[in-house]
C-alpha cells in the first residue's frame, strides 16, 4: 500500500527542439507584420481621409452643427459646379458607352488582321494622361489646327475653340473613358458560350439579330457596370475640365476645388473639403449601383467554348480602323505637328516644321527638373509599393482575418475616389508639422510621394494578391513546419511565386504615375514640378507649342514603357497587359 500511495517521480521535461520553438514564434512575426501594414495604411490613407472628414464637418460661423457644410451646399458656385459635373460626366458616359460597346462587338465578333495593334490603339486614350489628351484635341479642333487647317475645315481665326464648352469636355472625356466600357464589354463577350451563337446561326437567324437579340442582353450588365465606372472616372477627371472648362467658363467640382485652393490657400480647406465629400458621395453611389448591377442583373451562363470571331467583314474592318484612327491617332498627330511649329499661329509646312521647340524645352531647366521629379516619384512609388504589397498580399492570402480584410478594403479608397479628394486629404494631414518630428511635408516632394503611394498601391497589390491566392501554399507550410522564420519564407518561398505579378504591377504604377496631374496640381511646389504640371502650366500660360513638345516627349516615354512591358509579356502574368488579352 505504501508503494501505491507514494508520490510518483515526475518525468524529466524534454527541451523543445529549436526548430519547433522557431515555428511557434512565427505567429509573432505575422503579428508584427500586420502592425507594420496597419501603420502604413494609417499614415498614407486613414489619417488623410479622417482629416478630410473632420474639416468638412466643422460648425458654421454661427456655431451651428454642420454649418460649414450647409453654407457650401447652399452656395450658387457649388450648384453651378455640381450641375457642370453631372452634365459633362453624363454626356461623356453616353459617348463612352456607344463607342466602347460598338468597338468591343466589332473586335469580338469580326475576324481582324492586326488585332493586338488595333486593341492597343483603342486603349490609347486611357493610357495617355488626361491633360495630354485634352491638349491633343485642342490642337486638332482649334483655329490653328494643322490638320483641319490643311483641309479647310478649321474654325475662323480669332474664334474660340469649340471644345471650350460642356459638349467639348464631354466629347474628350467620352473618348478618354471609352476603354473602360470597351474592356468590360469585351470581357463579357468572351464569357458568352459559342454554342448559343452557333445554334442561332444554324436555324438561320441573321447576324445583326444575333448580336442585338442574343448577345447584347447577356452582356448588358457588364456594359452598365463599365458605363458606371466611366461615370466615376469622369467625375474625378481634372485634366480635361481644367484645360477645356476654365477657358470656356464651365465649372465642375474638380476645377472649383483647384481654383478655391489656388485663390484662398489653406484657409479654404473646410469649404473644399465639403466639395470633395460631394464628389466622393457621387462616386460611392455610382460604385454601389455598379455592384448592384453585377450582382442582381448578371445571369449565370453555361460553361462552354468561348465566343470567338468566325466571320470576316472587309468593309467593317475598314470602318473600324477609320474610327480608331480618328479617336486615337489623329489627335496625337495634331499634337506632334503643333510641337514641330516655332510659335502659335504659324501654318504647318515643310518650311516651318522643325525640332526647335523640342530643343528649347529640353534646354529648359524647369522641364528637365519636371521629368527628373516624375521619374523619381514613379520609380520610388513602384519600388515602395512592391515592398508593401508582397507582405500585405501574404497576409491577405495566408492569414486573412477581420483586420486584414478591412485594411484590404481601405487601401482601395484612394484609387476609387477622385484624386482631387485624395490630394486635399494630404494637404489637411501634412500641412501641420508631423508629431514628434516637427517637420511639415507640405511644399516638399515627400507629400507627392505619400499621395502617389496611397493612390497607386492597388495597382501592385491586386495582381500580387491574385497570384498569391492561386499559388499552392504547401511549400510555405512545409517551410514553417521545419522552422523557417517568416522573413526567410517571404524572401525565398513567397516572393519568387508572386514576383512576375509584382513586376507587372510596378510597370503599371510607373506608367500611371509618370504623367499624373490630378494629385500633383494641388500638391506641387516650386522646384518640385512634375511632367503633368509642366504641360498644364505651359498651356495655361498660352505657350501651346512648348506644352505640345513636353506632352509629345512624355507620351514617347510612356509608349517606350509600353513596348518594354510588351517585350517582357512572356514573363508576366496572363491578362496583365490589356491590349494582349
Protein backbone atom coordinates (compact mmCIF):
# COMPACT_ATOMS: atom_id res chain seq x y z
CA UNK A 1 0.00 0.00 0.00
CA UNK A 2 2.87 2.35 0.80
CA UNK A 3 4.21 1.81 -2.61
CA UNK A 4 0.77 2.52 -4.04
CA UNK A 5 0.40 5.82 -2.17
CA UNK A 6 3.95 7.14 -2.63
CA UNK A 7 4.08 10.08 -4.99
CA UNK A 8 5.44 9.22 -8.39
CA UNK A 9 8.61 10.95 -9.57
CA UNK A 10 7.84 13.36 -12.40
CA UNK A 11 9.31 12.63 -15.75
CA UNK A 12 12.14 15.00 -16.64
CA UNK A 13 10.92 17.61 -19.14
CA UNK A 14 12.38 17.38 -22.59
CA UNK A 15 13.60 20.62 -24.15
CA UNK A 16 11.64 21.82 -27.15
CA UNK A 17 13.67 21.41 -30.31
CA UNK A 18 14.95 24.76 -31.65
CA UNK A 19 13.11 24.30 -34.94
CA UNK A 20 9.78 23.84 -33.21
CA UNK A 21 10.43 26.86 -30.99
CA UNK A 22 11.05 28.98 -34.11
CA UNK A 23 7.86 27.61 -35.68
CA UNK A 24 5.90 28.51 -32.57
CA UNK A 25 7.20 32.06 -32.71
CA UNK A 26 6.14 32.55 -36.35
CA UNK A 27 2.79 33.88 -35.25
CA UNK A 28 4.58 36.73 -33.51
CA UNK A 29 6.30 37.61 -36.77
CA UNK A 30 2.98 37.76 -38.55
CA UNK A 31 1.54 39.98 -35.82
CA UNK A 32 4.48 42.36 -36.21
CA UNK A 33 3.98 42.30 -39.98
CA UNK A 34 0.30 43.13 -39.55
CA UNK A 35 1.17 46.07 -37.28
CA UNK A 36 3.59 47.43 -39.88
CA UNK A 37 0.95 47.18 -42.61
CA UNK A 38 -1.59 48.85 -40.32
CA UNK A 39 0.84 51.69 -39.61
CA UNK A 40 1.47 52.16 -43.35
CA UNK A 41 -2.24 52.28 -44.23
CA UNK A 42 -2.98 54.59 -41.30
CA UNK A 43 -0.26 57.04 -42.37
CA UNK A 44 -0.97 57.10 -46.10
CA UNK A 45 -4.76 56.64 -46.16
CA UNK A 46 -6.69 56.61 -42.89
CA UNK A 47 -5.21 59.77 -41.41
CA UNK A 48 -5.66 61.97 -44.52
CA UNK A 49 -9.23 60.76 -45.04
CA UNK A 50 -10.04 61.32 -41.37
CA UNK A 51 -8.69 64.89 -41.57
CA UNK A 52 -10.80 65.46 -44.67
CA UNK A 53 -14.00 64.35 -42.95
CA UNK A 54 -13.18 66.39 -39.86
CA UNK A 55 -12.64 69.54 -41.93
CA UNK A 56 -15.93 69.09 -43.80
CA UNK A 57 -17.94 68.54 -40.62
CA UNK A 58 -16.89 71.79 -38.93
CA UNK A 59 -19.58 74.03 -37.42
CA UNK A 60 -20.59 77.20 -39.24
CA UNK A 61 -19.57 80.73 -38.40
CA UNK A 62 -22.55 80.97 -36.03
CA UNK A 63 -21.53 77.74 -34.29
CA UNK A 64 -24.35 75.65 -35.73
CA UNK A 65 -23.54 71.94 -36.19
CA UNK A 66 -22.57 71.09 -39.77
CA UNK A 67 -22.97 74.77 -40.54
CA UNK A 68 -20.00 74.86 -42.91
CA UNK A 69 -21.46 72.04 -44.98
CA UNK A 70 -24.83 73.80 -45.12
CA UNK A 71 -23.17 77.04 -46.28
CA UNK A 72 -21.22 75.35 -49.05
CA UNK A 73 -24.21 73.32 -50.23
CA UNK A 74 -26.33 76.47 -50.42
CA UNK A 75 -23.71 78.33 -52.50
CA UNK A 76 -24.52 79.18 -56.12
CA UNK A 77 -20.95 78.30 -57.10
CA UNK A 78 -21.42 74.80 -55.68
CA UNK A 79 -24.71 74.30 -57.51
CA UNK A 80 -23.14 75.50 -60.76
CA UNK A 81 -20.14 73.21 -60.37
CA UNK A 82 -22.33 70.25 -59.40
CA UNK A 83 -24.52 70.78 -62.45
CA UNK A 84 -21.45 71.10 -64.68
CA UNK A 85 -20.02 67.88 -63.25
CA UNK A 86 -23.23 65.93 -63.79
CA UNK A 87 -23.80 67.36 -67.28
CA UNK A 88 -20.29 66.74 -68.61
CA UNK A 89 -19.99 63.34 -66.93
CA UNK A 90 -23.43 62.19 -68.07
CA UNK A 91 -22.90 63.23 -71.68
CA UNK A 92 -19.43 61.70 -71.74
CA UNK A 93 -20.78 58.37 -70.48
CA UNK A 94 -23.26 58.24 -73.35
CA UNK A 95 -20.39 58.63 -75.84
CA UNK A 96 -18.15 56.20 -73.92
CA UNK A 97 -20.89 53.57 -73.95
CA UNK A 98 -21.74 53.91 -77.63
CA UNK A 99 -18.08 53.83 -78.70
CA UNK A 100 -16.99 51.17 -76.21
CA UNK A 101 -19.82 48.75 -76.97
CA UNK A 102 -19.53 49.21 -80.72
CA UNK A 103 -15.78 48.68 -80.75
CA UNK A 104 -15.99 45.69 -78.38
CA UNK A 105 -18.60 43.97 -80.58
CA UNK A 106 -16.55 44.67 -83.71
CA UNK A 107 -13.33 43.35 -82.17
CA UNK A 108 -15.09 40.40 -80.56
CA UNK A 109 -17.23 39.25 -83.50
CA UNK A 110 -15.19 40.10 -86.63
CA UNK A 111 -12.02 38.35 -87.74
CA UNK A 112 -9.40 41.09 -87.89
CA UNK A 113 -5.83 41.45 -89.00
CA UNK A 114 -3.52 43.19 -86.56
CA UNK A 115 -5.91 42.66 -83.66
CA UNK A 116 -3.30 43.37 -80.94
CA UNK A 117 -2.25 46.66 -82.55
CA UNK A 118 -5.88 47.66 -83.00
CA UNK A 119 -6.75 46.94 -79.36
CA UNK A 120 -3.69 48.90 -78.22
CA UNK A 121 -4.88 51.91 -80.22
CA UNK A 122 -8.38 51.55 -78.75
CA UNK A 123 -6.86 51.63 -75.25
CA UNK A 124 -4.54 54.55 -76.07
CA UNK A 125 -6.94 57.26 -74.78
CA UNK A 126 -6.89 55.57 -71.38
CA UNK A 127 -3.11 55.06 -71.33
CA UNK A 128 -2.32 58.66 -72.26
CA UNK A 129 -2.83 61.15 -69.39
CA UNK A 130 -5.89 63.35 -69.50
CA UNK A 131 -4.00 66.63 -69.91
CA UNK A 132 -2.21 65.27 -72.97
CA UNK A 133 -5.47 64.00 -74.45
CA UNK A 134 -7.12 67.37 -73.84
CA UNK A 135 -4.17 69.23 -75.38
CA UNK A 136 -4.18 66.95 -78.43
CA UNK A 137 -7.88 67.59 -79.06
CA UNK A 138 -7.40 71.34 -78.52
CA UNK A 139 -4.72 71.40 -81.21
CA UNK A 140 -6.90 69.30 -83.51
CA UNK A 141 -10.10 71.37 -83.21
CA UNK A 142 -8.75 74.92 -82.83
CA UNK A 143 -8.42 77.69 -85.38
CA UNK A 144 -4.70 76.91 -85.73
CA UNK A 145 -5.25 73.19 -86.28
CA UNK A 146 -2.51 71.89 -88.57
CA UNK A 147 -4.81 69.12 -89.83
CA UNK A 148 -8.18 70.87 -90.16
CA UNK A 149 -6.42 73.95 -91.49
CA UNK A 150 -4.88 71.95 -94.33
CA UNK A 151 -8.34 70.57 -95.16
CA UNK A 152 -10.02 73.96 -94.95
CA UNK A 153 -12.19 72.84 -92.03
CA UNK A 154 -10.62 74.82 -89.17
CA UNK A 155 -12.71 77.44 -87.33
CA UNK A 156 -12.16 81.03 -88.49
CA UNK A 157 -9.13 82.80 -86.97
CA UNK A 158 -9.89 84.57 -83.72
CA UNK A 159 -12.85 82.36 -82.79
CA UNK A 160 -12.90 80.37 -79.57
CA UNK A 161 -12.08 76.72 -79.71
CA UNK A 162 -15.38 74.79 -79.97
CA UNK A 163 -14.13 72.35 -77.36
CA UNK A 164 -14.24 75.07 -74.69
CA UNK A 165 -17.79 74.06 -73.80
CA UNK A 166 -19.85 71.44 -72.00
CA UNK A 167 -20.15 69.38 -75.17
CA UNK A 168 -16.40 69.70 -75.86
CA UNK A 169 -15.49 68.48 -72.38
CA UNK A 170 -17.98 65.61 -72.74
CA UNK A 171 -16.51 64.67 -76.13
CA UNK A 172 -12.91 64.44 -74.90
CA UNK A 173 -13.81 62.69 -71.64
CA UNK A 174 -16.11 60.31 -73.54
CA UNK A 175 -13.23 59.25 -75.78
CA UNK A 176 -10.81 59.07 -72.86
CA UNK A 177 -13.02 56.80 -70.73
CA UNK A 178 -14.35 54.71 -73.62
CA UNK A 179 -11.76 51.95 -72.96
CA UNK A 180 -13.37 51.24 -69.58
CA UNK A 181 -16.63 50.29 -71.30
CA UNK A 182 -14.71 48.50 -74.06
CA UNK A 183 -12.79 46.30 -71.60
CA UNK A 184 -15.92 45.43 -69.58
CA UNK A 185 -17.92 44.57 -72.71
CA UNK A 186 -15.09 42.60 -74.29
CA UNK A 187 -14.61 40.51 -71.15
CA UNK A 188 -18.34 39.77 -71.06
CA UNK A 189 -18.34 38.78 -74.74
CA UNK A 190 -15.60 36.23 -74.10
CA UNK A 191 -17.81 34.64 -71.44
CA UNK A 192 -20.72 34.09 -73.85
CA UNK A 193 -20.83 30.41 -74.91
CA UNK A 194 -20.21 29.98 -78.62
CA UNK A 195 -22.88 27.24 -78.71
CA UNK A 196 -25.67 29.83 -78.32
CA UNK A 197 -24.50 31.84 -81.30
CA UNK A 198 -23.85 28.77 -83.46
CA UNK A 199 -27.30 27.38 -82.68
CA UNK A 200 -28.87 30.66 -83.78
CA UNK A 201 -26.86 30.61 -86.99
CA UNK A 202 -27.93 27.04 -87.73
CA UNK A 203 -31.60 27.97 -87.65
CA UNK A 204 -30.95 30.95 -89.93
CA UNK A 205 -31.01 33.92 -87.56
CA UNK A 206 -29.23 36.87 -89.26
CA UNK A 207 -26.01 38.14 -87.71
CA UNK A 208 -27.36 41.55 -86.62
CA UNK A 209 -30.30 39.88 -84.85
CA UNK A 210 -27.91 37.51 -83.08
CA UNK A 211 -25.82 40.43 -81.85
CA UNK A 212 -28.80 42.53 -80.72
CA UNK A 213 -31.26 39.86 -79.62
CA UNK A 214 -28.99 37.21 -78.06
CA UNK A 215 -25.53 38.54 -77.26
CA UNK A 216 -26.41 42.09 -76.20
CA UNK A 217 -28.86 41.09 -73.41
CA UNK A 218 -26.26 38.69 -71.99
CA UNK A 219 -23.55 41.35 -71.78
CA UNK A 220 -25.86 44.23 -70.80
CA UNK A 221 -25.00 44.04 -67.05
CA UNK A 222 -21.30 44.32 -67.85
CA UNK A 223 -21.99 47.23 -70.18
CA UNK A 224 -23.87 49.00 -67.40
CA UNK A 225 -21.05 48.28 -64.96
CA UNK A 226 -18.48 49.66 -67.40
CA UNK A 227 -20.59 52.77 -68.02
CA UNK A 228 -20.87 53.45 -64.29
CA UNK A 229 -17.11 53.03 -63.95
CA UNK A 230 -16.64 55.55 -66.77
CA UNK A 231 -19.00 57.89 -64.90
CA UNK A 232 -16.87 57.71 -61.75
CA UNK A 233 -13.75 58.41 -63.81
CA UNK A 234 -15.43 61.42 -65.42
CA UNK A 235 -16.46 62.86 -62.04
CA UNK A 236 -12.85 62.79 -60.83
CA UNK A 237 -11.26 63.95 -64.09
CA UNK A 238 -9.25 67.13 -63.66
CA UNK A 239 -7.03 67.48 -66.72
CA UNK A 240 -9.80 67.73 -69.33
CA UNK A 241 -12.10 70.15 -67.42
CA UNK A 242 -9.08 72.27 -66.42
CA UNK A 243 -7.74 72.72 -69.95
CA UNK A 244 -11.17 72.98 -71.62
CA UNK A 245 -13.52 74.17 -68.89
CA UNK A 246 -11.53 77.00 -67.29
CA UNK A 247 -11.08 78.88 -70.62
CA UNK A 248 -14.72 78.13 -71.53
CA UNK A 249 -16.04 79.17 -68.08
CA UNK A 250 -17.51 75.72 -67.50
CA UNK A 251 -17.28 74.98 -63.79
CA UNK A 252 -17.04 71.45 -62.39
CA UNK A 253 -16.22 70.27 -58.88
CA UNK A 254 -12.59 69.34 -59.57
CA UNK A 255 -11.74 72.72 -61.09
CA UNK A 256 -13.71 74.60 -58.41
CA UNK A 257 -11.61 72.88 -55.72
CA UNK A 258 -8.43 73.77 -57.62
CA UNK A 259 -9.43 77.41 -58.05
CA UNK A 260 -10.52 77.80 -54.41
CA UNK A 261 -7.24 76.40 -53.08
CA UNK A 262 -5.20 78.45 -55.55
CA UNK A 263 -7.10 81.62 -54.68
CA UNK A 264 -7.53 81.30 -50.92
CA UNK A 265 -4.93 78.73 -49.89
CA UNK A 266 -5.33 76.53 -46.80
CA UNK A 267 -7.93 78.94 -45.35
CA UNK A 268 -10.45 77.46 -47.81
CA UNK A 269 -9.69 73.88 -46.73
CA UNK A 270 -13.00 73.40 -44.94
CA UNK A 271 -15.07 74.59 -47.90
CA UNK A 272 -13.22 72.50 -50.44
CA UNK A 273 -13.43 69.51 -48.09
CA UNK A 274 -17.21 69.72 -48.40
CA UNK A 275 -16.88 69.85 -52.20
CA UNK A 276 -14.59 66.82 -52.03
CA UNK A 277 -17.16 64.90 -49.99
CA UNK A 278 -19.80 65.70 -52.61
CA UNK A 279 -17.55 64.12 -55.25
CA UNK A 280 -16.88 61.14 -53.03
CA UNK A 281 -20.62 60.66 -52.47
CA UNK A 282 -21.30 60.72 -56.21
CA UNK A 283 -18.55 58.18 -56.83
CA UNK A 284 -19.75 55.99 -53.97
CA UNK A 285 -23.30 56.00 -55.35
CA UNK A 286 -22.07 55.07 -58.84
CA UNK A 287 -19.89 52.25 -57.48
CA UNK A 288 -22.79 50.94 -55.36
CA UNK A 289 -25.02 50.87 -58.46
CA UNK A 290 -22.24 49.10 -60.36
CA UNK A 291 -22.01 46.40 -57.70
CA UNK A 292 -25.79 46.04 -57.70
CA UNK A 293 -25.82 45.64 -61.48
CA UNK A 294 -23.21 42.92 -61.37
CA UNK A 295 -24.93 41.05 -58.53
CA UNK A 296 -28.60 41.35 -59.47
CA UNK A 297 -28.69 41.67 -63.25
CA UNK A 298 -25.91 39.32 -64.37
CA UNK A 299 -27.24 35.91 -65.38
CA UNK A 300 -25.12 32.75 -64.95
CA UNK A 301 -24.03 31.36 -68.30
CA UNK A 302 -23.40 27.69 -69.04
CA UNK A 303 -19.78 26.69 -69.38
CA UNK A 304 -18.60 26.11 -72.89
CA UNK A 305 -16.27 27.18 -75.62
CA UNK A 306 -15.82 30.97 -75.51
CA UNK A 307 -17.19 33.08 -78.29
CA UNK A 308 -14.58 33.73 -80.96
CA UNK A 309 -14.81 35.76 -84.19
CA UNK A 310 -15.58 33.47 -87.12
CA UNK A 311 -16.54 35.77 -89.99
CA UNK A 312 -14.62 38.40 -91.93
CA UNK A 313 -16.01 41.77 -92.98
CA UNK A 314 -13.65 43.84 -95.15
CA UNK A 315 -15.95 46.86 -95.09
CA UNK A 316 -16.45 46.59 -91.34
CA UNK A 317 -12.71 46.25 -90.82
CA UNK A 318 -12.03 49.43 -92.83
CA UNK A 319 -14.68 51.38 -90.91
CA UNK A 320 -13.30 50.09 -87.63
CA UNK A 321 -9.75 51.21 -88.42
CA UNK A 322 -11.02 54.64 -89.54
CA UNK A 323 -12.95 55.16 -86.29
CA UNK A 324 -9.99 54.09 -84.17
CA UNK A 325 -7.64 56.33 -86.18
CA UNK A 326 -9.96 59.29 -85.65
CA UNK A 327 -10.15 58.94 -81.88
CA UNK A 328 -6.59 57.77 -81.17
CA UNK A 329 -4.20 58.65 -83.99
CA UNK A 330 -5.45 61.93 -85.50
CA UNK A 331 -5.43 63.96 -82.23
CA UNK A 332 -1.90 62.77 -81.42
CA UNK A 333 -0.82 63.63 -84.96
CA UNK A 334 -2.15 67.17 -84.45
CA UNK A 335 -0.23 67.37 -81.18
CA UNK A 336 3.03 66.28 -82.83
CA UNK A 337 2.55 68.72 -85.71
CA UNK A 338 1.93 71.58 -83.26
CA UNK A 339 5.10 70.67 -81.37
CA UNK A 340 7.06 71.00 -84.62
CA UNK A 341 5.95 74.62 -85.13
CA UNK A 342 8.06 77.55 -83.90
CA UNK A 343 5.12 79.53 -82.45
CA UNK A 344 1.35 79.64 -82.13
CA UNK A 345 -0.41 80.72 -85.31
CA UNK A 346 2.32 79.61 -87.73
CA UNK A 347 0.95 77.47 -90.54
CA UNK A 348 2.37 73.95 -90.63
CA UNK A 349 4.55 73.14 -93.63
CA UNK A 350 7.89 71.79 -94.70
CA UNK A 351 9.49 75.23 -94.34
CA UNK A 352 8.10 75.89 -90.83
CA UNK A 353 8.34 72.46 -89.19
CA UNK A 354 11.45 71.90 -87.08
CA UNK A 355 12.68 70.41 -83.83
CA UNK A 356 13.34 73.83 -82.33
CA UNK A 357 10.60 73.51 -79.70
CA UNK A 358 11.92 70.15 -78.56
CA UNK A 359 15.40 71.61 -78.22
CA UNK A 360 14.00 74.59 -76.31
CA UNK A 361 12.05 72.53 -73.78
CA UNK A 362 14.95 70.13 -73.27
CA UNK A 363 17.19 73.12 -72.56
CA UNK A 364 14.64 74.45 -70.06
CA UNK A 365 15.84 73.69 -66.52
CA UNK A 366 12.27 73.54 -65.18
CA UNK A 367 11.24 70.97 -67.79
CA UNK A 368 14.29 68.80 -67.10
CA UNK A 369 13.57 69.05 -63.38
CA UNK A 370 9.94 68.05 -64.00
CA UNK A 371 11.00 64.92 -65.91
CA UNK A 372 13.53 64.06 -63.20
CA UNK A 373 10.96 64.56 -60.43
CA UNK A 374 8.33 62.47 -62.23
CA UNK A 375 10.76 59.63 -62.91
CA UNK A 376 11.97 59.70 -59.32
CA UNK A 377 8.44 59.71 -57.92
CA UNK A 378 7.22 56.99 -60.27
CA UNK A 379 10.17 54.67 -59.62
CA UNK A 380 10.16 55.28 -55.85
CA UNK A 381 6.41 54.74 -55.69
CA UNK A 382 6.69 51.49 -57.68
CA UNK A 383 9.53 50.18 -55.50
CA UNK A 384 7.84 51.01 -52.20
CA UNK A 385 4.50 49.67 -53.44
CA UNK A 386 6.13 46.33 -54.27
CA UNK A 387 7.85 46.24 -50.87
CA UNK A 388 4.49 46.83 -49.16
CA UNK A 389 2.34 44.68 -51.43
CA UNK A 390 4.32 41.45 -51.01
CA UNK A 391 3.88 41.15 -47.22
CA UNK A 392 0.38 42.64 -47.46
CA UNK A 393 -0.64 40.03 -50.04
CA UNK A 394 0.89 37.33 -47.85
CA UNK A 395 -1.43 38.32 -45.00
CA UNK A 396 -4.45 38.52 -47.31
CA UNK A 397 -3.80 35.12 -48.90
CA UNK A 398 -2.35 33.15 -45.98
CA UNK A 399 -3.59 34.78 -42.78
CA UNK A 400 -6.90 36.50 -43.58
CA UNK A 401 -8.77 37.99 -40.66
CA UNK A 402 -11.16 40.82 -39.97
CA UNK A 403 -8.44 43.44 -39.65
CA UNK A 404 -6.61 42.21 -42.75
CA UNK A 405 -9.82 42.21 -44.79
CA UNK A 406 -10.67 45.70 -43.52
CA UNK A 407 -7.24 47.03 -44.48
CA UNK A 408 -7.50 45.35 -47.87
CA UNK A 409 -10.75 47.25 -48.43
CA UNK A 410 -9.47 50.57 -47.09
CA UNK A 411 -6.47 50.74 -49.46
CA UNK A 412 -8.89 50.77 -52.40
CA UNK A 413 -10.39 54.10 -51.30
CA UNK A 414 -7.65 56.42 -52.67
CA UNK A 415 -7.87 54.65 -56.03
CA UNK A 416 -11.64 54.74 -56.49
CA UNK A 417 -12.37 58.20 -55.10
CA UNK A 418 -11.31 61.22 -57.18
CA UNK A 419 -7.67 62.22 -56.99
CA UNK A 420 -8.63 65.75 -56.00
CA UNK A 421 -10.20 64.36 -52.83
CA UNK A 422 -7.03 62.41 -52.03
CA UNK A 423 -4.85 65.47 -52.62
CA UNK A 424 -6.98 67.59 -50.32
CA UNK A 425 -6.73 64.97 -47.59
CA UNK A 426 -2.94 65.05 -47.95
CA UNK A 427 -2.89 68.84 -47.55
CA UNK A 428 -5.00 68.69 -44.40
CA UNK A 429 -2.94 65.87 -42.91
CA UNK A 430 0.58 67.01 -43.75
CA UNK A 431 0.35 70.80 -43.74
CA UNK A 432 0.83 70.91 -39.94
CA UNK A 433 4.19 69.62 -38.64
CA UNK A 434 4.34 65.89 -38.08
CA UNK A 435 4.07 64.79 -34.45
CA UNK A 436 7.43 64.19 -32.73
CA UNK A 437 9.40 65.09 -35.88
CA UNK A 438 8.06 68.64 -36.02
CA UNK A 439 8.51 68.80 -39.82
CA UNK A 440 5.79 69.60 -42.37
CA UNK A 441 5.69 67.59 -45.59
CA UNK A 442 3.72 70.30 -47.39
CA UNK A 443 5.79 72.02 -50.07
CA UNK A 444 8.19 69.08 -50.40
CA UNK A 445 8.50 66.17 -52.80
CA UNK A 446 7.65 63.84 -49.91
CA UNK A 447 3.96 64.82 -49.86
CA UNK A 448 3.70 63.92 -53.55
CA UNK A 449 5.30 60.55 -52.85
CA UNK A 450 2.90 59.81 -49.97
CA UNK A 451 -0.06 60.75 -52.18
CA UNK A 452 1.21 58.54 -55.01
CA UNK A 453 1.74 55.65 -52.59
CA UNK A 454 -1.80 55.94 -51.28
CA UNK A 455 -3.38 56.19 -54.73
CA UNK A 456 -1.36 53.64 -56.71
CA UNK A 457 -0.81 50.83 -54.17
CA UNK A 458 -3.80 48.81 -55.52
CA UNK A 459 -2.13 48.62 -58.95
CA UNK A 460 0.53 46.38 -57.39
CA UNK A 461 -1.43 44.83 -54.55
CA UNK A 462 -4.25 43.42 -56.69
CA UNK A 463 -2.11 41.35 -59.13
CA UNK A 464 0.21 40.21 -56.31
CA UNK A 465 -2.76 39.13 -54.18
CA UNK A 466 -4.30 37.28 -57.14
CA UNK A 467 -1.02 35.45 -57.74
CA UNK A 468 -0.71 34.57 -54.06
CA UNK A 469 -4.25 33.20 -53.82
CA UNK A 470 -3.74 30.88 -56.79
CA UNK A 471 -0.35 29.57 -55.59
CA UNK A 472 -0.01 26.26 -53.74
CA UNK A 473 0.63 27.04 -50.04
CA UNK A 474 2.06 23.59 -49.24
CA UNK A 475 5.69 24.61 -49.78
CA UNK A 476 5.34 27.58 -47.47
CA UNK A 477 3.63 25.42 -44.83
CA UNK A 478 6.41 22.84 -45.08
CA UNK A 479 8.98 25.56 -44.51
CA UNK A 480 7.03 26.71 -41.48
CA UNK A 481 6.99 23.18 -40.03
CA UNK A 482 10.74 22.77 -40.32
CA UNK A 483 11.25 26.08 -38.57
CA UNK A 484 11.91 28.61 -41.32
CA UNK A 485 11.16 32.08 -39.99
CA UNK A 486 8.74 34.48 -41.58
CA UNK A 487 11.43 36.66 -43.25
CA UNK A 488 13.01 33.61 -44.88
CA UNK A 489 9.65 32.27 -46.05
CA UNK A 490 8.73 35.62 -47.52
CA UNK A 491 12.07 36.10 -49.27
CA UNK A 492 12.76 32.60 -50.60
CA UNK A 493 9.34 30.97 -51.00
CA UNK A 494 6.55 33.54 -51.25
CA UNK A 495 8.34 36.28 -53.19
CA UNK A 496 9.53 34.13 -56.14
CA UNK A 497 5.97 32.95 -56.75
CA UNK A 498 4.49 36.46 -56.91
CA UNK A 499 7.47 38.30 -58.41
CA UNK A 500 6.13 38.39 -62.01
CA UNK A 501 2.85 39.89 -60.78
CA UNK A 502 4.78 42.39 -58.65
CA UNK A 503 6.90 43.45 -61.64
CA UNK A 504 3.78 43.84 -63.78
CA UNK A 505 2.13 45.96 -61.10
CA UNK A 506 5.27 48.08 -60.76
CA UNK A 507 5.21 48.74 -64.51
CA UNK A 508 1.59 49.85 -64.27
CA UNK A 509 2.48 52.19 -61.42
CA UNK A 510 5.35 53.76 -63.36
CA UNK A 511 3.22 54.23 -66.48
CA UNK A 512 0.37 55.75 -64.47
CA UNK A 513 2.38 57.92 -62.08
CA UNK A 514 4.78 59.28 -64.69
CA UNK A 515 2.27 61.77 -66.14
CA UNK A 516 -0.05 62.16 -63.14
CA UNK A 517 -1.73 65.57 -62.80
CA UNK A 518 -4.77 65.40 -60.51
CA UNK A 519 -2.73 64.93 -57.32
CA UNK A 520 0.23 66.98 -58.48
CA UNK A 521 -1.83 70.04 -59.46
CA UNK A 522 -2.71 70.62 -55.79
CA UNK A 523 0.46 69.32 -54.13
CA UNK A 524 3.37 70.56 -56.25
CA UNK A 525 5.58 73.46 -55.17
CA UNK A 526 8.37 75.45 -56.71
CA UNK A 527 11.27 73.16 -57.56
CA UNK A 528 9.03 70.09 -57.29
CA UNK A 529 7.20 70.28 -60.62
CA UNK A 530 6.08 67.15 -62.45
CA UNK A 531 5.52 66.45 -66.13
CA UNK A 532 1.75 66.79 -65.84
CA UNK A 533 2.06 70.10 -64.01
CA UNK A 534 4.51 71.40 -66.61
CA UNK A 535 2.18 70.59 -69.52
CA UNK A 536 -0.74 72.21 -67.72
CA UNK A 537 1.26 75.31 -66.75
CA UNK A 538 2.69 75.90 -70.24
CA UNK A 539 -0.74 75.56 -71.85
CA UNK A 540 -2.32 77.77 -69.20
CA UNK A 541 0.31 80.46 -69.95
CA UNK A 542 -0.56 80.32 -73.66
CA UNK A 543 2.65 78.61 -74.80
CA UNK A 544 0.85 75.84 -76.70
CA UNK A 545 3.81 74.75 -78.83
CA UNK A 546 6.07 74.23 -75.82
CA UNK A 547 3.26 72.40 -73.98
CA UNK A 548 2.79 70.19 -77.03
CA UNK A 549 6.51 69.42 -77.17
CA UNK A 550 6.60 68.39 -73.50
CA UNK A 551 3.45 66.31 -73.97
CA UNK A 552 4.93 64.56 -77.01
CA UNK A 553 8.14 63.75 -75.12
CA UNK A 554 6.21 62.34 -72.16
CA UNK A 555 3.96 60.32 -74.49
CA UNK A 556 7.01 58.89 -76.25
CA UNK A 557 8.41 57.89 -72.86
CA UNK A 558 5.08 56.25 -71.99
CA UNK A 559 4.98 54.31 -75.26
CA UNK A 560 8.55 53.19 -74.60
CA UNK A 561 7.44 51.72 -71.27
CA UNK A 562 4.51 50.01 -73.02
CA UNK A 563 6.93 48.50 -75.56
CA UNK A 564 9.15 47.30 -72.70
CA UNK A 565 6.17 45.69 -70.98
CA UNK A 566 5.07 44.11 -74.25
CA UNK A 567 8.55 42.69 -74.88
CA UNK A 568 8.54 41.07 -71.43
CA UNK A 569 4.95 39.84 -71.66
CA UNK A 570 6.03 36.19 -71.70
CA UNK A 571 7.36 36.55 -68.14
CA UNK A 572 4.34 38.49 -66.86
CA UNK A 573 1.06 37.02 -65.60
CA UNK A 574 -1.62 36.32 -68.19
CA UNK A 575 -4.01 39.18 -68.98
CA UNK A 576 -1.94 41.76 -67.09
CA UNK A 577 -1.47 43.78 -70.29
CA UNK A 578 -4.97 44.63 -71.51
CA UNK A 579 -4.00 45.02 -75.19
CA UNK A 580 -2.72 41.41 -75.25
CA UNK A 581 -5.84 39.77 -73.77
